[in-house]
Amino acid sequence: MDRQRLRSALRAAGVADGHYRIEGVHEPAPTPPDFLYLRRTPDGAWETGAYERGRYEVIARHPDEAAACTHLLALLT
């Protein structure tokens, strides 16, 4: 699964747009006060985590986009 397919799967599952951010695919504006996220790290890995109270908290690091997408989907559904 890639980020675009993840976005489609989340919409199909009825997950509200403000509950997540997918780097480069779904970046809600204005920024919600808290959400789950998927983003690429500077070293090329991927991470999923939670943004709360102005802080990013990493839940897991992933070796590739597919693993990160699968994890975020599981967290949100």
C-alpha atoms as a PDB file:
ATOM      1  CA  MET A   1       0.000   0.000   0.000  1.00  0.00           C
ATOM      2  CA  ASP A   2       1.246   3.512  -0.745  1.00  0.00           C
ATOM      3  CA  ARG A   3       0.139   6.850   0.712  1.00  0.00           C
ATOM      4  CA  GLN A   4      -2.474   7.542  -1.962  1.00  0.00           C
ATOM      5  CA  ARG A   5      -4.094   4.139  -1.444  1.00  0.00           C
ATOM      6  CA  LEU A   6      -3.961   4.662   2.317  1.00  0.00           C
ATOM      7  CA  ARG A   7      -5.841   7.933   1.917  1.00  0.00           C
ATOM      8  CA  SER A   8      -8.494   6.186  -0.179  1.00  0.00           C
ATOM      9  CA  ALA A   9      -8.818   3.359   2.348  1.00  0.00           C
ATOM     10  CA  LEU A  10      -9.238   5.803   5.230  1.00  0.00           C
ATOM     11  CA  ARG A  11     -11.928   7.732   3.367  1.00  0.00           C
ATOM     12  CA  ALA A  12     -13.730   4.489   2.503  1.00  0.00           C
ATOM     13  CA  ALA A  13     -13.604   3.490   6.178  1.00  0.00           C
ATOM     14  CA  GLY A  14     -15.184   6.822   7.157  1.00  0.00           C
ATOM     15  CA  VAL A  15     -12.211   8.122   9.162  1.00  0.00           C
ATOM     16  CA  ALA A  16     -12.601  11.879   9.646  1.00  0.00           C
ATOM     17  CA  ASP A  17     -10.086  14.047   7.772  1.00  0.00           C
ATOM     18  CA  GLY A  18      -8.948  15.799  10.947  1.00  0.00           C
ATOM     19  CA  HIS A  19      -7.835  12.571  12.625  1.00  0.00           C
ATOM     20  CA  TYR A  20      -4.715  12.072  10.498  1.00  0.00           C
ATOM     21  CA  ARG A  21      -2.000  13.648   8.378  1.00  0.00           C
ATOM     22  CA  ILE A  22      -0.207  11.859   5.548  1.00  0.00           C
ATOM     23  CA  GLU A  23       2.852  13.748   4.391  1.00  0.00           C
ATOM     24  CA  GLY A  24       2.463  14.952   0.814  1.00  0.00           C
ATOM     25  CA  VAL A  25      -1.014  13.467   0.408  1.00  0.00           C
ATOM     26  CA  HIS A  26      -3.337  14.727   3.134  1.00  0.00           C
ATOM     27  CA  GLU A  27      -2.322  17.728   5.217  1.00  0.00           C
ATOM     28  CA  PRO A  28      -5.458  19.236   6.770  1.00  0.00           C
ATOM     29  CA  ALA A  29      -5.673  23.006   7.136  1.00  0.00           C
ATOM     30  CA  PRO A  30      -6.008  24.489   9.587  1.00  0.00           C
ATOM     31  CA  THR A  31      -3.871  22.022  11.509  1.00  0.00           C
ATOM     32  CA  PRO A  32      -5.992  20.085  14.027  1.00  0.00           C
ATOM     33  CA  PRO A  33      -4.881  20.196  17.688  1.00  0.00           C
ATOM     34  CA  ASP A  34      -4.135  16.469  17.679  1.00  0.00           C
ATOM     35  CA  PHE A  35      -3.911  13.741  15.026  1.00  0.00           C
ATOM     36  CA  LEU A  36      -2.041  10.612  13.971  1.00  0.00           C
ATOM     37  CA  TYR A  37       0.548  11.031  11.235  1.00  0.00           C
ATOM     38  CA  LEU A  38       2.744   9.298   8.692  1.00  0.00           C
ATOM     39  CA  ARG A  39       5.900  10.977   7.453  1.00  0.00           C
ATOM     40  CA  ARG A  40       9.297  10.268   5.934  1.00  0.00           C
ATOM     41  CA  THR A  41      12.334  10.897   8.112  1.00  0.00           C
ATOM     42  CA  PRO A  42      15.518  12.638   6.971  1.00  0.00           C
ATOM     43  CA  ASP A  43      17.361   9.289   6.926  1.00  0.00           C
ATOM     44  CA  GLY A  44      14.828   7.788   4.485  1.00  0.00           C
ATOM     45  CA  ALA A  45      12.828   5.688   6.946  1.00  0.00           C
ATOM     46  CA  TRP A  46       9.133   6.210   7.647  1.00  0.00           C
ATOM     47  CA  GLU A  47       7.435   6.881  10.933  1.00  0.00           C
ATOM     48  CA  THR A  48       3.948   6.850  12.339  1.00  0.00           C
ATOM     49  CA  GLY A  49       3.048   8.784  15.415  1.00  0.00           C
ATOM     50  CA  ALA A  50       0.771  11.145  17.251  1.00  0.00           C
ATOM     51  CA  TYR A  51       0.769  14.937  17.305  1.00  0.00           C
ATOM     52  CA  GLU A  52      -0.574  16.313  20.580  1.00  0.00           C
ATOM     53  CA  ARG A  53      -0.198  19.651  22.327  1.00  0.00           C
ATOM     54  CA  GLY A  54       2.274  20.914  19.742  1.00  0.00           C
ATOM     55  CA  ARG A  55       4.581  17.885  19.949  1.00  0.00           C
ATOM     56  CA  TYR A  56       5.230  14.987  17.602  1.00  0.00           C
ATOM     57  CA  GLU A  57       5.548  11.623  19.383  1.00  0.00           C
ATOM     58  CA  VAL A  58       6.857   8.717  17.328  1.00  0.00           C
ATOM     59  CA  ILE A  59       4.914   5.493  17.807  1.00  0.00           C
ATOM     60  CA  ALA A  60       6.930   3.377  15.351  1.00  0.00           C
ATOM     61  CA  ARG A  61       9.638   3.581  12.690  1.00  0.00           C
ATOM     62  CA  HIS A  62       9.249   1.598   9.480  1.00  0.00           C
ATOM     63  CA  PRO A  63      11.735   0.532   6.782  1.00  0.00           C
ATOM     64  CA  ASP A  64       9.389   1.402   3.920  1.00  0.00           C
ATOM     65  CA  GLU A  65       6.268   3.304   2.949  1.00  0.00           C
ATOM     66  CA  ALA A  66       4.094   0.179   2.701  1.00  0.00           C
ATOM     67  CA  ALA A  67       4.785  -0.880   6.286  1.00  0.00           C
ATOM     68  CA  ALA A  68       4.113   2.630   7.580  1.00  0.00           C
ATOM     69  CA  CYS A  69       0.834   2.859   5.644  1.00  0.00           C
ATOM     70  CA  THR A  70      -0.324  -0.503   6.956  1.00  0.00           C
ATOM     71  CA  HIS A  71       0.458   0.580  10.514  1.00  0.00           C
ATOM     72  CA  LEU A  72      -1.388   3.910  10.249  1.00  0.00           C
ATOM     73  CA  LEU A  73      -4.406   2.161   8.734  1.00  0.00           C
ATOM     74  CA  ALA A  74      -4.453  -0.256  11.679  1.00  0.00           C
ATOM     75  CA  LEU A  75      -4.190   2.601  14.168  1.00  0.00           C
ATOM     76  CA  LEU A  76      -7.126   4.472  12.631  1.00  0.00           C
ATOM     77  CA  THR A  77      -9.543   1.642  11.872  1.00  0.00           C
END
